PDB file of N, CA and C in Angstrom:
ATOM      1  N   MET A   1     113.234-100.825 -54.926  1.00  0.00           N
ATOM      2  CA  MET A   1     111.706 -99.455 -54.085  1.00  0.00           C
ATOM      3  C   MET A   1     112.275 -99.364 -53.188  1.00  0.00           C
ATOM      4  N   ARG A   2     112.261 -97.690 -52.887  1.00  0.00           N
ATOM      5  CA  ARG A   2     111.942 -97.303 -51.880  1.00  0.00           C
ATOM      6  C   ARG A   2     111.478 -97.029 -51.074  1.00  0.00           C
ATOM      7  N   ILE A   3     111.538 -97.372 -49.606  1.00  0.00           N
ATOM      8  CA  ILE A   3     110.521 -97.195 -48.067  1.00  0.00           C
ATOM      9  C   ILE A   3     110.366 -96.136 -48.052  1.00  0.00           C
ATOM     10  N   ASP A   4     110.041 -94.969 -47.418  1.00  0.00           N
ATOM     11  CA  ASP A   4     109.696 -93.471 -47.369  1.00  0.00           C
ATOM     12  C   ASP A   4     109.338 -93.607 -45.388  1.00  0.00           C
ATOM     13  N   ILE A   5     110.325 -92.793 -44.538  1.00  0.00           N
ATOM     14  CA  ILE A   5     109.962 -93.430 -43.209  1.00  0.00           C
ATOM     15  C   ILE A   5     108.215 -93.309 -43.099  1.00  0.00           C
ATOM     16  N   ASP A   6     108.108 -91.945 -44.060  1.00  0.00           N
ATOM     17  CA  ASP A   6     106.318 -91.445 -44.175  1.00  0.00           C
ATOM     18  C   ASP A   6     105.824 -92.936 -44.317  1.00  0.00           C
ATOM     19  N   ILE A   7     105.952 -92.966 -45.398  1.00  0.00           N
ATOM     20  CA  ILE A   7     104.754 -94.424 -45.450  1.00  0.00           C
ATOM     21  C   ILE A   7     105.648 -95.331 -44.768  1.00  0.00           C
ATOM     22  N   ALA A   8     106.236 -96.478 -43.950  1.00  0.00           N
ATOM     23  CA  ALA A   8     106.739 -97.406 -43.123  1.00  0.00           C
ATOM     24  C   ALA A   8     105.845 -97.220 -41.851  1.00  0.00           C
ATOM     25  N   ALA A   9     105.833 -95.856 -40.960  1.00  0.00           N
ATOM     26  CA  ALA A   9     104.806 -95.573 -40.187  1.00  0.00           C
ATOM     27  C   ALA A   9     103.784 -95.728 -40.239  1.00  0.00           C
ATOM     28  N   PRO A  10     103.221 -95.557 -40.847  1.00  0.00           N
ATOM     29  CA  PRO A  10     101.643 -96.091 -41.149  1.00  0.00           C
ATOM     30  C   PRO A  10     101.207 -97.344 -40.966  1.00  0.00           C
ATOM     31  N   LEU A  11     102.238 -97.753 -42.442  1.00  0.00           N
ATOM     32  CA  LEU A  11     102.405 -99.085 -42.414  1.00  0.00           C
ATOM     33  C   LEU A  11     102.265-100.260 -41.414  1.00  0.00           C
ATOM     34  N   ILE A  12     103.238-100.044 -41.039  1.00  0.00           N
ATOM     35  CA  ILE A  12     103.867-100.829 -39.211  1.00  0.00           C
ATOM     36  C   ILE A  12     102.726-100.722 -38.409  1.00  0.00           C
ATOM     37  N   ALA A  13     102.363 -99.317 -38.616  1.00  0.00           N
ATOM     38  CA  ALA A  13     101.495 -99.360 -37.386  1.00  0.00           C
ATOM     39  C   ALA A  13      99.743 -99.742 -37.816  1.00  0.00           C
ATOM     40  N   LEU A  14      99.388-100.173 -39.067  1.00  0.00           N
ATOM     41  CA  LEU A  14      98.490-100.499 -39.406  1.00  0.00           C
ATOM     42  C   LEU A  14      98.044-102.102 -39.717  1.00  0.00           C
ATOM     43  N   LEU A  15      99.744-102.673 -39.601  1.00  0.00           N
ATOM     44  CA  LEU A  15      99.679-104.018 -39.078  1.00  0.00           C
ATOM     45  C   LEU A  15      99.541-104.342 -37.525  1.00  0.00           C
ATOM     46  N   ALA A  16     100.578-103.476 -37.134  1.00  0.00           N
ATOM     47  CA  ALA A  16     100.515-104.446 -35.381  1.00  0.00           C
ATOM     48  C   ALA A  16      98.990-103.746 -35.164  1.00  0.00           C
ATOM     49  N   GLY A  17      98.308-102.645 -35.525  1.00  0.00           N
ATOM     50  CA  GLY A  17      96.602-102.691 -35.260  1.00  0.00           C
ATOM     51  C   GLY A  17      96.251-103.831 -35.246  1.00  0.00           C
ATOM     52  N   ILE A  18      96.271-104.343 -36.621  1.00  0.00           N
ATOM     53  CA  ILE A  18      95.029-105.622 -36.563  1.00  0.00           C
ATOM     54  C   ILE A  18      95.596-106.251 -35.971  1.00  0.00           C
ATOM     55  N   LEU A  19      96.846-107.261 -35.921  1.00  0.00           N
ATOM     56  CA  LEU A  19      97.794-108.051 -35.219  1.00  0.00           C
ATOM     57  C   LEU A  19      96.613-107.910 -33.670  1.00  0.00           C
ATOM     58  N   ILE A  20      96.716-106.468 -33.080  1.00  0.00           N
ATOM     59  CA  ILE A  20      96.590-106.842 -31.348  1.00  0.00           C
ATOM     60  C   ILE A  20      95.191-107.322 -31.930  1.00  0.00           C
ATOM     61  N   LEU A  21      94.031-106.634 -32.912  1.00  0.00           N
ATOM     62  CA  LEU A  21      93.150-106.587 -32.512  1.00  0.00           C
ATOM     63  C   LEU A  21      93.078-108.255 -32.860  1.00  0.00           C
ATOM     64  N   VAL A  22      93.020-108.986 -33.629  1.00  0.00           N
ATOM     65  CA  VAL A  22      92.814-110.375 -34.303  1.00  0.00           C
ATOM     66  C   VAL A  22      93.784-111.274 -32.701  1.00  0.00           C
ATOM     67  N   VAL A  23      95.227-111.770 -32.227  1.00  0.00           N
ATOM     68  CA  VAL A  23      95.696-111.377 -31.505  1.00  0.00           C
ATOM     69  C   VAL A  23      96.303-110.636 -30.336  1.00  0.00           C
ATOM     70  N   PRO A  24      94.927-110.502 -28.730  1.00  0.00           N
ATOM     71  CA  PRO A  24      95.097-109.352 -28.048  1.00  0.00           C
ATOM     72  C   PRO A  24      96.207-109.509 -26.767  1.00  0.00           C
ATOM     73  N   ARG A  25      96.675-110.418 -26.837  1.00  0.00           N
ATOM     74  CA  ARG A  25      97.927-111.551 -25.889  1.00  0.00           C
ATOM     75  C   ARG A  25      99.142-111.180 -26.824  1.00  0.00           C
ATOM     76  N   PHE A  26      99.527-111.324 -27.949  1.00  0.00           N
ATOM     77  CA  PHE A  26     100.707-110.797 -28.615  1.00  0.00           C
ATOM     78  C   PHE A  26     101.377-108.911 -28.216  1.00  0.00           C
ATOM     79  N   LEU A  27     100.122-108.159 -27.208  1.00  0.00           N
ATOM     80  CA  LEU A  27     100.561-107.024 -27.703  1.00  0.00           C
ATOM     81  C   LEU A  27     101.739-106.364 -27.190  1.00  0.00           C
ATOM     82  N   ASN A  28     102.195-106.774 -26.002  1.00  0.00           N
ATOM     83  CA  ASN A  28     103.495-106.858 -25.859  1.00  0.00           C
ATOM     84  C   ASN A  28     104.974-106.271 -26.610  1.00  0.00           C
ATOM     85  N   TYR A  29     105.012-107.902 -27.880  1.00  0.00           N
ATOM     86  CA  TYR A  29     105.836-108.352 -28.579  1.00  0.00           C
ATOM     87  C   TYR A  29     105.848-107.220 -29.549  1.00  0.00           C
ATOM     88  N   VAL A  30     103.905-106.925 -30.280  1.00  0.00           N
ATOM     89  CA  VAL A  30     104.108-106.345 -31.514  1.00  0.00           C
ATOM     90  C   VAL A  30     104.396-105.017 -30.774  1.00  0.00           C
ATOM     91  N   VAL A  31     103.840-103.908 -30.001  1.00  0.00           N
ATOM     92  CA  VAL A  31     104.359-102.451 -29.284  1.00  0.00           C
ATOM     93  C   VAL A  31     105.753-102.525 -29.094  1.00  0.00           C
ATOM     94  N   ALA A  32     106.322-103.772 -28.572  1.00  0.00           N
ATOM     95  CA  ALA A  32     108.141-103.821 -28.413  1.00  0.00           C
ATOM     96  C   ALA A  32     108.761-103.758 -29.990  1.00  0.00           C
ATOM     97  N   ILE A  33     108.339-103.892 -30.861  1.00  0.00           N
ATOM     98  CA  ILE A  33     108.752-104.195 -32.624  1.00  0.00           C
ATOM     99  C   ILE A  33     108.639-103.126 -32.890  1.00  0.00           C
ATOM    100  N   TYR A  34     107.055-102.432 -32.611  1.00  0.00           N
ATOM    101  CA  TYR A  34     106.954-100.985 -33.362  1.00  0.00           C
ATOM    102  C   TYR A  34     107.769-100.603 -33.063  1.00  0.00           C
ATOM    103  N   LEU A  35     108.049-100.297 -31.781  1.00  0.00           N
ATOM    104  CA  LEU A  35     109.379 -99.191 -31.190  1.00  0.00           C
ATOM    105  C   LEU A  35     110.863 -99.868 -31.589  1.00  0.00           C
ATOM    106  N   ILE A  36     111.655-100.933 -31.584  1.00  0.00           N
ATOM    107  CA  ILE A  36     112.244-101.448 -32.055  1.00  0.00           C
ATOM    108  C   ILE A  36     113.043-100.770 -34.400  1.00  0.00           C
ATOM    109  N   VAL A  37     111.827-100.944 -34.173  1.00  0.00           N
ATOM    110  CA  VAL A  37     111.066-100.795 -36.084  1.00  0.00           C
ATOM    111  C   VAL A  37     112.038 -99.108 -36.183  1.00  0.00           C
ATOM    112  N   ILE A  38     110.841 -98.570 -35.509  1.00  0.00           N
ATOM    113  CA  ILE A  38     110.916 -96.743 -35.926  1.00  0.00           C
ATOM    114  C   ILE A  38     111.908 -96.163 -35.350  1.00  0.00           C
ATOM    115  N   GLY A  39     112.564 -96.904 -33.814  1.00  0.00           N
ATOM    116  CA  GLY A  39     114.000 -96.267 -33.911  1.00  0.00           C
ATOM    117  C   GLY A  39     115.367 -96.654 -34.500  1.00  0.00           C
ATOM    118  N   ILE A  40     114.834 -97.518 -35.174  1.00  0.00           N
ATOM    119  CA  ILE A  40     116.025 -98.223 -36.446  1.00  0.00           C
ATOM    120  C   ILE A  40     116.011 -97.080 -37.760  1.00  0.00           C
ATOM    121  N   LEU A  41     114.314 -96.779 -37.828  1.00  0.00           N
ATOM    122  CA  LEU A  41     114.680 -96.804 -39.372  1.00  0.00           C
ATOM    123  C   LEU A  41     114.648 -94.426 -38.652  1.00  0.00           C
ATOM    124  N   GLY A  42     114.720 -94.546 -37.420  1.00  0.00           N
ATOM    125  CA  GLY A  42     114.309 -92.747 -37.544  1.00  0.00           C
ATOM    126  C   GLY A  42     116.450 -92.675 -37.216  1.00  0.00           C
ATOM    127  N   LEU A  43     117.306 -93.926 -36.947  1.00  0.00           N
ATOM    128  CA  LEU A  43     118.453 -93.657 -37.274  1.00  0.00           C
ATOM    129  C   LEU A  43     118.706 -93.830 -38.072  1.00  0.00           C
ATOM    130  N   ILE A  44     118.590 -94.545 -38.908  1.00  0.00           N
ATOM    131  CA  ILE A  44     119.216 -94.390 -40.372  1.00  0.00           C
ATOM    132  C   ILE A  44     119.634 -93.050 -40.888  1.00  0.00           C
ATOM    133  N   PRO A  45     118.550 -92.393 -41.661  1.00  0.00           N
ATOM    134  CA  PRO A  45     119.450 -91.003 -41.713  1.00  0.00           C
ATOM    135  C   PRO A  45     121.122 -90.427 -41.385  1.00  0.00           C
ATOM    136  N   LEU A  46     120.634 -91.053 -40.295  1.00  0.00           N
ATOM    137  CA  LEU A  46     122.121 -90.625 -39.415  1.00  0.00           C
ATOM    138  C   LEU A  46     123.510 -91.325 -39.528  1.00  0.00           C
ATOM    139  N   PHE A  47     123.156 -92.537 -39.589  1.00  0.00           N
ATOM    140  CA  PHE A  47     124.212 -93.614 -40.220  1.00  0.00           C
ATOM    141  C   PHE A  47     124.791 -92.645 -41.805  1.00  0.00           C
ATOM    142  N   THR A  48     123.235 -92.530 -42.750  1.00  0.00           N
ATOM    143  CA  THR A  48     123.643 -92.534 -44.080  1.00  0.00           C
ATOM    144  C   THR A  48     124.300 -91.877 -44.864  1.00  0.00           C
ATOM    145  N   ARG A  49     124.637 -90.395 -43.966  1.00  0.00           N
ATOM    146  CA  ARG A  49     125.225 -89.625 -43.921  1.00  0.00           C
ATOM    147  C   ARG A  49     126.394 -89.286 -44.319  1.00  0.00           C
TER     148      ARG A  49
END
């Protein structure tokens, strides 16, 4: 199963939003992980050509 960036970004954002609502003190970690994942997913096409 291949997860495209167009599907992964909204799913990750949804998960991050739910986690922030449930456990607000983890906001910094959720944002950091989200940014790292989006950055990696954005760079993958550059390395797989």
